[in-house]
PDB file of all heavy atoms in Angstrom:
ATOM      1  N   GLY A   1     154.788 234.817  71.548  1.00  0.00           N
ATOM      2  CA  GLY A   1     154.599 233.582  70.806  1.00  0.00           C
ATOM      3  C   GLY A   1     153.006 233.232  70.807  1.00  0.00           C
ATOM      4  O   GLY A   1     152.534 232.765  69.771  1.00  0.00           O
ATOM      5  N   HIS A   2     152.441 233.285  72.005  1.00  0.00           N
ATOM      6  CA  HIS A   2     150.998 233.031  72.114  1.00  0.00           C
ATOM      7  C   HIS A   2     150.182 233.968  71.227  1.00  0.00           C
ATOM      8  O   HIS A   2     149.275 233.533  70.560  1.00  0.00           O
ATOM      9  CB  HIS A   2     150.555 233.045  73.605  1.00  0.00           C
ATOM     10  CG  HIS A   2     151.100 231.928  74.348  1.00  0.00           C
ATOM     11  ND1 HIS A   2     150.997 230.560  74.052  1.00  0.00           N
ATOM     12  CD2 HIS A   2     151.695 231.907  75.697  1.00  0.00           C
ATOM     13  CE1 HIS A   2     151.608 229.847  75.075  1.00  0.00           C
ATOM     14  NE2 HIS A   2     151.970 230.616  76.029  1.00  0.00           N
ATOM     15  N   VAL A   3     150.552 235.262  71.318  1.00  0.00           N
ATOM     16  CA  VAL A   3     149.893 236.261  70.443  1.00  0.00           C
ATOM     17  C   VAL A   3     149.938 235.787  69.060  1.00  0.00           C
ATOM     18  O   VAL A   3     148.927 235.951  68.243  1.00  0.00           O
ATOM     19  CB  VAL A   3     150.540 237.720  70.703  1.00  0.00           C
ATOM     20  CG1 VAL A   3     149.991 238.712  69.657  1.00  0.00           C
ATOM     21  CG2 VAL A   3     150.163 238.127  72.081  1.00  0.00           C
ATOM     22  N   LEU A   4     151.049 235.312  68.612  1.00  0.00           N
ATOM     23  CA  LEU A   4     151.298 234.890  67.146  1.00  0.00           C
ATOM     24  C   LEU A   4     150.430 233.658  66.827  1.00  0.00           C
ATOM     25  O   LEU A   4     150.249 233.381  65.663  1.00  0.00           O
ATOM     26  CB  LEU A   4     152.747 234.700  66.950  1.00  0.00           C
ATOM     27  CG  LEU A   4     153.487 235.926  66.951  1.00  0.00           C
ATOM     28  CD1 LEU A   4     155.063 235.557  66.818  1.00  0.00           C
ATOM     29  CD2 LEU A   4     153.192 236.859  65.714  1.00  0.00           C
ATOM     30  N   GLY A   5     150.011 232.933  67.856  1.00  0.00           N
ATOM     31  CA  GLY A   5     149.170 231.657  67.715  1.00  0.00           C
ATOM     32  C   GLY A   5     149.928 230.374  68.152  1.00  0.00           C
ATOM     33  O   GLY A   5     149.349 229.363  68.112  1.00  0.00           O
ATOM     34  N   LEU A   6     151.051 230.454  68.681  1.00  0.00           N
ATOM     35  CA  LEU A   6     151.799 229.289  69.105  1.00  0.00           C
ATOM     36  C   LEU A   6     151.204 228.836  70.607  1.00  0.00           C
ATOM     37  O   LEU A   6     150.916 229.773  71.368  1.00  0.00           O
ATOM     38  CB  LEU A   6     153.303 229.502  69.352  1.00  0.00           C
ATOM     39  CG  LEU A   6     154.038 229.578  68.070  1.00  0.00           C
ATOM     40  CD1 LEU A   6     155.455 230.034  68.294  1.00  0.00           C
ATOM     41  CD2 LEU A   6     153.968 228.415  67.249  1.00  0.00           C
ATOM     42  N   GLY A   7     151.109 227.563  70.876  1.00  0.00           N
ATOM     43  CA  GLY A   7     150.669 227.089  72.138  1.00  0.00           C
ATOM     44  C   GLY A   7     151.863 226.670  72.805  1.00  0.00           C
ATOM     45  O   GLY A   7     153.063 227.031  72.652  1.00  0.00           O
ATOM     46  N   ASP A   8     151.673 225.882  73.930  1.00  0.00           N
ATOM     47  CA  ASP A   8     152.922 225.446  74.824  1.00  0.00           C
ATOM     48  C   ASP A   8     153.600 224.301  74.107  1.00  0.00           C
ATOM     49  O   ASP A   8     153.059 223.498  73.313  1.00  0.00           O
ATOM     50  CB  ASP A   8     152.305 225.027  76.095  1.00  0.00           C
ATOM     51  CG  ASP A   8     151.888 226.216  76.935  1.00  0.00           C
ATOM     52  OD1 ASP A   8     152.239 227.260  76.790  1.00  0.00           O
ATOM     53  OD2 ASP A   8     150.936 225.894  77.942  1.00  0.00           O
ATOM     54  N   SER A   9     154.828 224.099  74.510  1.00  0.00           N
ATOM     55  CA  SER A   9     155.669 222.972  74.220  1.00  0.00           C
ATOM     56  C   SER A   9     155.893 222.141  75.303  1.00  0.00           C
ATOM     57  O   SER A   9     155.981 222.621  76.499  1.00  0.00           O
ATOM     58  CB  SER A   9     156.918 223.574  73.534  1.00  0.00           C
ATOM     59  OG  SER A   9     157.781 222.501  73.378  1.00  0.00           O
ATOM     60  N   SER A  10     156.078 220.857  75.119  1.00  0.00           N
ATOM     61  CA  SER A  10     156.441 220.064  76.193  1.00  0.00           C
ATOM     62  C   SER A  10     158.023 219.830  76.358  1.00  0.00           C
ATOM     63  O   SER A  10     158.449 219.092  77.181  1.00  0.00           O
ATOM     64  CB  SER A  10     155.956 218.551  75.774  1.00  0.00           C
ATOM     65  OG  SER A  10     156.493 217.974  74.642  1.00  0.00           O
ATOM     66  N   GLU A  11     158.766 220.554  75.480  1.00  0.00           N
ATOM     67  CA  GLU A  11     160.246 220.531  75.569  1.00  0.00           C
ATOM     68  C   GLU A  11     160.820 221.677  76.434  1.00  0.00           C
ATOM     69  O   GLU A  11     160.669 222.862  76.026  1.00  0.00           O
ATOM     70  CB  GLU A  11     160.860 220.520  74.181  1.00  0.00           C
ATOM     71  CG  GLU A  11     162.261 220.472  74.131  1.00  0.00           C
ATOM     72  CD  GLU A  11     162.950 219.394  74.897  1.00  0.00           C
ATOM     73  OE1 GLU A  11     162.480 218.201  74.718  1.00  0.00           O
ATOM     74  OE2 GLU A  11     163.968 219.553  75.606  1.00  0.00           O
ATOM     75  N   PRO A  12     161.468 221.403  77.579  1.00  0.00           N
ATOM     76  CA  PRO A  12     161.978 222.508  78.356  1.00  0.00           C
ATOM     77  C   PRO A  12     162.903 223.514  77.592  1.00  0.00           C
ATOM     78  O   PRO A  12     163.090 224.630  78.159  1.00  0.00           O
ATOM     79  CB  PRO A  12     162.702 221.722  79.401  1.00  0.00           C
ATOM     80  CG  PRO A  12     161.985 220.430  79.523  1.00  0.00           C
ATOM     81  CD  PRO A  12     161.704 220.087  78.122  1.00  0.00           C
ATOM     82  N   SER A  13     163.619 223.090  76.576  1.00  0.00           N
ATOM     83  CA  SER A  13     164.540 224.018  75.985  1.00  0.00           C
ATOM     84  C   SER A  13     163.835 225.031  75.052  1.00  0.00           C
ATOM     85  O   SER A  13     164.368 225.980  74.595  1.00  0.00           O
ATOM     86  CB  SER A  13     165.606 223.221  75.216  1.00  0.00           C
ATOM     87  OG  SER A  13     165.061 222.466  74.180  1.00  0.00           O
ATOM     88  N   ASP A  14     162.569 224.836  74.781  1.00  0.00           N
ATOM     89  CA  ASP A  14     161.808 225.663  73.947  1.00  0.00           C
ATOM     90  C   ASP A  14     161.374 227.008  74.712  1.00  0.00           C
ATOM     91  O   ASP A  14     160.953 226.795  75.817  1.00  0.00           O
ATOM     92  CB  ASP A  14     160.575 225.052  73.352  1.00  0.00           C
ATOM     93  CG  ASP A  14     160.903 223.842  72.411  1.00  0.00           C
ATOM     94  OD1 ASP A  14     162.073 223.739  72.021  1.00  0.00           O
ATOM     95  OD2 ASP A  14     159.996 222.981  72.136  1.00  0.00           O
ATOM     96  N   ILE A  15     161.290 228.150  73.961  1.00  0.00           N
ATOM     97  CA  ILE A  15     160.754 229.347  74.612  1.00  0.00           C
ATOM     98  C   ILE A  15     159.270 229.096  75.016  1.00  0.00           C
ATOM     99  O   ILE A  15     158.874 229.794  75.935  1.00  0.00           O
ATOM    100  CB  ILE A  15     160.965 230.522  73.649  1.00  0.00           C
ATOM    101  CG1 ILE A  15     161.122 231.808  74.547  1.00  0.00           C
ATOM    102  CG2 ILE A  15     159.929 230.710  72.646  1.00  0.00           C
ATOM    103  CD1 ILE A  15     162.361 232.020  75.271  1.00  0.00           C
ATOM    104  N   MET A  16     158.552 228.301  74.392  1.00  0.00           N
ATOM    105  CA  MET A  16     157.129 228.116  74.556  1.00  0.00           C
ATOM    106  C   MET A  16     156.866 226.994  75.674  1.00  0.00           C
ATOM    107  O   MET A  16     155.697 226.766  75.814  1.00  0.00           O
ATOM    108  CB  MET A  16     156.403 227.824  73.221  1.00  0.00           C
ATOM    109  CG  MET A  16     156.653 228.780  72.230  1.00  0.00           C
ATOM    110  SD  MET A  16     155.965 230.534  72.744  1.00  0.00           S
ATOM    111  CE  MET A  16     154.222 230.284  73.094  1.00  0.00           C
ATOM    112  N   TYR A  17     157.830 226.580  76.314  1.00  0.00           N
ATOM    113  CA  TYR A  17     157.688 225.659  77.570  1.00  0.00           C
ATOM    114  C   TYR A  17     157.136 226.470  78.554  1.00  0.00           C
ATOM    115  O   TYR A  17     157.560 227.650  78.887  1.00  0.00           O
ATOM    116  CB  TYR A  17     159.024 225.129  78.035  1.00  0.00           C
ATOM    117  CG  TYR A  17     159.035 224.183  78.973  1.00  0.00           C
ATOM    118  CD1 TYR A  17     158.398 222.919  78.771  1.00  0.00           C
ATOM    119  CD2 TYR A  17     159.440 224.425  80.241  1.00  0.00           C
ATOM    120  CE1 TYR A  17     158.326 221.861  79.752  1.00  0.00           C
ATOM    121  CE2 TYR A  17     159.395 223.316  81.302  1.00  0.00           C
ATOM    122  CZ  TYR A  17     158.722 222.147  80.963  1.00  0.00           C
ATOM    123  OH  TYR A  17     158.726 221.297  82.109  1.00  0.00           O
ATOM    124  N   PRO A  18     155.871 226.044  79.181  1.00  0.00           N
ATOM    125  CA  PRO A  18     155.165 226.871  80.102  1.00  0.00           C
ATOM    126  C   PRO A  18     155.670 227.233  81.511  1.00  0.00           C
ATOM    127  O   PRO A  18     155.142 227.926  82.252  1.00  0.00           O
ATOM    128  CB  PRO A  18     153.880 226.154  80.154  1.00  0.00           C
ATOM    129  CG  PRO A  18     154.242 224.679  80.013  1.00  0.00           C
ATOM    130  CD  PRO A  18     155.268 224.701  78.993  1.00  0.00           C
ATOM    131  N   ILE A  19     156.876 226.567  81.777  1.00  0.00           N
ATOM    132  CA  ILE A  19     157.496 226.845  83.068  1.00  0.00           C
ATOM    133  C   ILE A  19     158.754 227.637  82.922  1.00  0.00           C
ATOM    134  O   ILE A  19     159.561 227.142  82.060  1.00  0.00           O
ATOM    135  CB  ILE A  19     157.803 225.499  83.789  1.00  0.00           C
ATOM    136  CG1 ILE A  19     156.355 224.716  83.984  1.00  0.00           C
ATOM    137  CG2 ILE A  19     158.440 225.757  85.198  1.00  0.00           C
ATOM    138  CD1 ILE A  19     156.557 223.376  84.548  1.00  0.00           C
ATOM    139  N   MET A  20     158.945 228.612  83.709  1.00  0.00           N
ATOM    140  CA  MET A  20     160.191 229.444  83.581  1.00  0.00           C
ATOM    141  C   MET A  20     161.485 228.507  83.907  1.00  0.00           C
ATOM    142  O   MET A  20     161.495 227.643  84.791  1.00  0.00           O
ATOM    143  CB  MET A  20     160.237 230.567  84.496  1.00  0.00           C
ATOM    144  CG  MET A  20     161.444 231.629  84.276  1.00  0.00           C
ATOM    145  SD  MET A  20     161.310 232.939  85.322  1.00  0.00           S
ATOM    146  CE  MET A  20     162.030 232.309  86.821  1.00  0.00           C
ATOM    147  N   ARG A  21     162.506 228.752  83.004  1.00  0.00           N
ATOM    148  CA  ARG A  21     163.702 227.950  83.323  1.00  0.00           C
ATOM    149  C   ARG A  21     164.457 228.224  84.584  1.00  0.00           C
ATOM    150  O   ARG A  21     164.374 229.458  85.062  1.00  0.00           O
ATOM    151  CB  ARG A  21     164.660 228.351  81.984  1.00  0.00           C
ATOM    152  CG  ARG A  21     164.152 227.882  80.783  1.00  0.00           C
ATOM    153  CD  ARG A  21     165.154 228.112  79.671  1.00  0.00           C
ATOM    154  NE  ARG A  21     164.757 227.595  78.536  1.00  0.00           N
ATOM    155  CZ  ARG A  21     164.564 228.257  77.278  1.00  0.00           C
ATOM    156  NH1 ARG A  21     164.801 229.511  77.332  1.00  0.00           N
ATOM    157  NH2 ARG A  21     164.099 227.733  76.369  1.00  0.00           N
ATOM    158  N   THR A  22     165.103 227.246  85.216  1.00  0.00           N
ATOM    159  CA  THR A  22     165.773 227.601  86.361  1.00  0.00           C
ATOM    160  C   THR A  22     167.139 228.283  86.083  1.00  0.00           C
ATOM    161  O   THR A  22     167.683 228.825  87.014  1.00  0.00           O
ATOM    162  CB  THR A  22     165.963 226.181  87.261  1.00  0.00           C
ATOM    163  OG1 THR A  22     166.790 225.348  86.277  1.00  0.00           O
ATOM    164  CG2 THR A  22     164.637 225.620  87.556  1.00  0.00           C
ATOM    165  N   ARG A  23     167.550 228.162  84.871  1.00  0.00           N
ATOM    166  CA  ARG A  23     168.815 228.811  84.543  1.00  0.00           C
ATOM    167  C   ARG A  23     168.588 230.337  84.531  1.00  0.00           C
ATOM    168  O   ARG A  23     167.640 230.825  83.962  1.00  0.00           O
ATOM    169  CB  ARG A  23     169.149 228.424  83.055  1.00  0.00           C
ATOM    170  CG  ARG A  23     170.316 229.094  82.522  1.00  0.00           C
ATOM    171  CD  ARG A  23     170.512 228.768  81.072  1.00  0.00           C
ATOM    172  NE  ARG A  23     169.312 228.998  80.413  1.00  0.00           N
ATOM    173  CZ  ARG A  23     169.156 229.003  79.035  1.00  0.00           C
ATOM    174  NH1 ARG A  23     170.125 228.596  78.230  1.00  0.00           N
ATOM    175  NH2 ARG A  23     167.957 229.411  78.504  1.00  0.00           N
ATOM    176  N   ARG A  24     169.366 231.031  85.253  1.00  0.00           N
ATOM    177  CA  ARG A  24     169.176 232.443  85.463  1.00  0.00           C
ATOM    178  C   ARG A  24     169.971 233.215  84.216  1.00  0.00           C
ATOM    179  O   ARG A  24     171.175 233.083  84.333  1.00  0.00           O
ATOM    180  CB  ARG A  24     169.569 232.928  86.816  1.00  0.00           C
ATOM    181  CG  ARG A  24     168.769 232.222  87.861  1.00  0.00           C
ATOM    182  CD  ARG A  24     169.015 232.621  89.228  1.00  0.00           C
ATOM    183  NE  ARG A  24     168.660 233.921  89.627  1.00  0.00           N
ATOM    184  CZ  ARG A  24     167.480 234.382  89.836  1.00  0.00           C
ATOM    185  NH1 ARG A  24     166.464 233.586  89.756  1.00  0.00           N
ATOM    186  NH2 ARG A  24     167.276 235.786  90.184  1.00  0.00           N
ATOM    187  N   LEU A  25     169.305 234.047  83.560  1.00  0.00           N
ATOM    188  CA  LEU A  25     169.936 234.796  82.456  1.00  0.00           C
ATOM    189  C   LEU A  25     169.962 236.256  82.937  1.00  0.00           C
ATOM    190  O   LEU A  25     168.812 236.892  82.902  1.00  0.00           O
ATOM    191  CB  LEU A  25     169.225 234.686  81.312  1.00  0.00           C
ATOM    192  CG  LEU A  25     169.052 233.341  80.620  1.00  0.00           C
ATOM    193  CD1 LEU A  25     168.141 233.268  79.318  1.00  0.00           C
ATOM    194  CD2 LEU A  25     170.401 232.704  80.407  1.00  0.00           C
ATOM    195  N   ALA A  26     171.065 236.838  83.230  1.00  0.00           N
ATOM    196  CA  ALA A  26     171.135 238.189  83.580  1.00  0.00           C
ATOM    197  C   ALA A  26     171.005 239.102  82.410  1.00  0.00           C
ATOM    198  O   ALA A  26     170.336 240.198  82.499  1.00  0.00           O
ATOM    199  CB  ALA A  26     172.523 238.582  84.279  1.00  0.00           C
ATOM    200  N   ARG A  27     171.471 238.690  81.295  1.00  0.00           N
ATOM    201  CA  ARG A  27     171.415 239.633  80.045  1.00  0.00           C
ATOM    202  C   ARG A  27     170.405 239.273  79.284  1.00  0.00           C
ATOM    203  O   ARG A  27     170.060 238.145  78.929  1.00  0.00           O
ATOM    204  CB  ARG A  27     172.774 239.503  79.327  1.00  0.00           C
ATOM    205  CG  ARG A  27     173.878 240.086  80.085  1.00  0.00           C
ATOM    206  CD  ARG A  27     175.235 240.149  79.245  1.00  0.00           C
ATOM    207  NE  ARG A  27     175.340 239.186  78.184  1.00  0.00           N
ATOM    208  CZ  ARG A  27     176.287 238.347  78.011  1.00  0.00           C
ATOM    209  NH1 ARG A  27     177.181 238.298  79.010  1.00  0.00           N
ATOM    210  NH2 ARG A  27     176.333 237.630  76.930  1.00  0.00           N
ATOM    211  N   VAL A  28     169.575 240.377  78.673  1.00  0.00           N
ATOM    212  CA  VAL A  28     168.411 240.151  77.932  1.00  0.00           C
ATOM    213  C   VAL A  28     168.942 239.591  76.573  1.00  0.00           C
ATOM    214  O   VAL A  28     168.146 238.681  75.969  1.00  0.00           O
ATOM    215  CB  VAL A  28     167.786 241.647  77.610  1.00  0.00           C
ATOM    216  CG1 VAL A  28     166.843 241.486  76.432  1.00  0.00           C
ATOM    217  CG2 VAL A  28     167.139 242.119  78.745  1.00  0.00           C
ATOM    218  N   SER A  29     170.042 239.685  76.115  1.00  0.00           N
ATOM    219  CA  SER A  29     170.493 239.222  74.849  1.00  0.00           C
ATOM    220  C   SER A  29     170.674 237.745  74.821  1.00  0.00           C
ATOM    221  O   SER A  29     170.806 237.137  73.831  1.00  0.00           O
ATOM    222  CB  SER A  29     171.911 239.853  74.420  1.00  0.00           C
ATOM    223  OG  SER A  29     172.874 239.627  75.371  1.00  0.00           O
ATOM    224  N   ARG A  30     170.712 237.051  76.042  1.00  0.00           N
ATOM    225  CA  ARG A  30     170.839 235.634  76.109  1.00  0.00           C
ATOM    226  C   ARG A  30     169.529 234.918  75.876  1.00  0.00           C
ATOM    227  O   ARG A  30     169.568 233.696  75.601  1.00  0.00           O
ATOM    228  CB  ARG A  30     171.227 235.252  77.468  1.00  0.00           C
ATOM    229  CG  ARG A  30     172.666 235.796  77.942  1.00  0.00           C
ATOM    230  CD  ARG A  30     173.813 235.048  77.093  1.00  0.00           C
ATOM    231  NE  ARG A  30     173.749 233.700  77.324  1.00  0.00           N
ATOM    232  CZ  ARG A  30     174.635 232.930  77.614  1.00  0.00           C
ATOM    233  NH1 ARG A  30     175.768 233.419  78.179  1.00  0.00           N
ATOM    234  NH2 ARG A  30     174.490 231.655  77.771  1.00  0.00           N
ATOM    235  N   ALA A  31     168.417 235.717  75.784  1.00  0.00           N
ATOM    236  CA  ALA A  31     167.143 234.968  75.540  1.00  0.00           C
ATOM    237  C   ALA A  31     167.027 234.790  74.087  1.00  0.00           C
ATOM    238  O   ALA A  31     167.157 235.630  73.389  1.00  0.00           O
ATOM    239  CB  ALA A  31     165.932 235.970  76.128  1.00  0.00           C
ATOM    240  N   GLY A  32     166.586 233.535  73.643  1.00  0.00           N
ATOM    241  CA  GLY A  32     166.412 233.196  72.303  1.00  0.00           C
ATOM    242  C   GLY A  32     165.396 232.173  72.007  1.00  0.00           C
ATOM    243  O   GLY A  32     165.014 231.476  72.828  1.00  0.00           O
ATOM    244  N   LEU A  33     165.184 231.947  70.795  1.00  0.00           N
ATOM    245  CA  LEU A  33     164.228 230.868  70.365  1.00  0.00           C
ATOM    246  C   LEU A  33     165.196 229.656  70.028  1.00  0.00           C
ATOM    247  O   LEU A  33     166.228 229.614  69.614  1.00  0.00           O
ATOM    248  CB  LEU A  33     163.536 231.265  68.921  1.00  0.00           C
ATOM    249  CG  LEU A  33     162.730 232.565  69.031  1.00  0.00           C
ATOM    250  CD1 LEU A  33     162.194 232.870  67.648  1.00  0.00           C
ATOM    251  CD2 LEU A  33     161.634 232.348  70.112  1.00  0.00           C
ATOM    252  N   SER A  34     164.546 228.403  70.253  1.00  0.00           N
ATOM    253  CA  SER A  34     165.128 227.167  69.962  1.00  0.00           C
ATOM    254  C   SER A  34     164.850 226.759  68.401  1.00  0.00           C
ATOM    255  O   SER A  34     163.940 227.481  67.862  1.00  0.00           O
ATOM    256  CB  SER A  34     164.612 226.084  70.812  1.00  0.00           C
ATOM    257  OG  SER A  34     163.189 225.730  70.443  1.00  0.00           O
ATOM    258  N   GLN A  35     165.590 225.839  67.961  1.00  0.00           N
ATOM    259  CA  GLN A  35     165.251 225.344  66.596  1.00  0.00           C
ATOM    260  C   GLN A  35     163.789 224.880  66.408  1.00  0.00           C
ATOM    261  O   GLN A  35     163.108 225.102  65.527  1.00  0.00           O
ATOM    262  CB  GLN A  35     166.219 224.293  66.083  1.00  0.00           C
ATOM    263  CG  GLN A  35     167.692 224.791  65.852  1.00  0.00           C
ATOM    264  CD  GLN A  35     167.605 225.898  64.870  1.00  0.00           C
ATOM    265  OE1 GLN A  35     167.010 225.858  63.812  1.00  0.00           O
ATOM    266  NE2 GLN A  35     168.378 226.959  65.114  1.00  0.00           N
ATOM    267  N   ARG A  36     163.239 224.224  67.605  1.00  0.00           N
ATOM    268  CA  ARG A  36     161.912 223.737  67.573  1.00  0.00           C
ATOM    269  C   ARG A  36     160.899 224.884  67.477  1.00  0.00           C
ATOM    270  O   ARG A  36     159.896 224.859  66.877  1.00  0.00           O
ATOM    271  CB  ARG A  36     161.591 222.876  68.784  1.00  0.00           C
ATOM    272  CG  ARG A  36     162.287 221.461  68.663  1.00  0.00           C
ATOM    273  CD  ARG A  36     162.331 220.773  70.051  1.00  0.00           C
ATOM    274  NE  ARG A  36     161.029 220.865  70.688  1.00  0.00           N
ATOM    275  CZ  ARG A  36     159.972 220.082  70.524  1.00  0.00           C
ATOM    276  NH1 ARG A  36     160.060 219.132  69.652  1.00  0.00           N
ATOM    277  NH2 ARG A  36     158.882 220.267  71.242  1.00  0.00           N
ATOM    278  N   ASP A  37     161.205 225.983  68.252  1.00  0.00           N
ATOM    279  CA  ASP A  37     160.288 227.125  68.264  1.00  0.00           C
ATOM    280  C   ASP A  37     160.262 227.756  66.815  1.00  0.00           C
ATOM    281  O   ASP A  37     159.182 228.030  66.319  1.00  0.00           O
ATOM    282  CB  ASP A  37     160.916 228.367  69.077  1.00  0.00           C
ATOM    283  CG  ASP A  37     160.811 227.926  70.573  1.00  0.00           C
ATOM    284  OD1 ASP A  37     159.973 227.273  71.182  1.00  0.00           O
ATOM    285  OD2 ASP A  37     161.816 228.332  71.319  1.00  0.00           O
TER     286      ASP A  37
END
C-alpha cells in the first residue's frame, strides 16, 4: 500500500494502520482490506 502511495491510517481496522493487529491470523486468506482502505 505504501508502494502504491498510501500513507498510514489512524483507524486500527485499516490495513494501513501502522501497528500490527493483536488478532492472530493463521490463514493468509484472512488478511484483507477495509472499506476505508
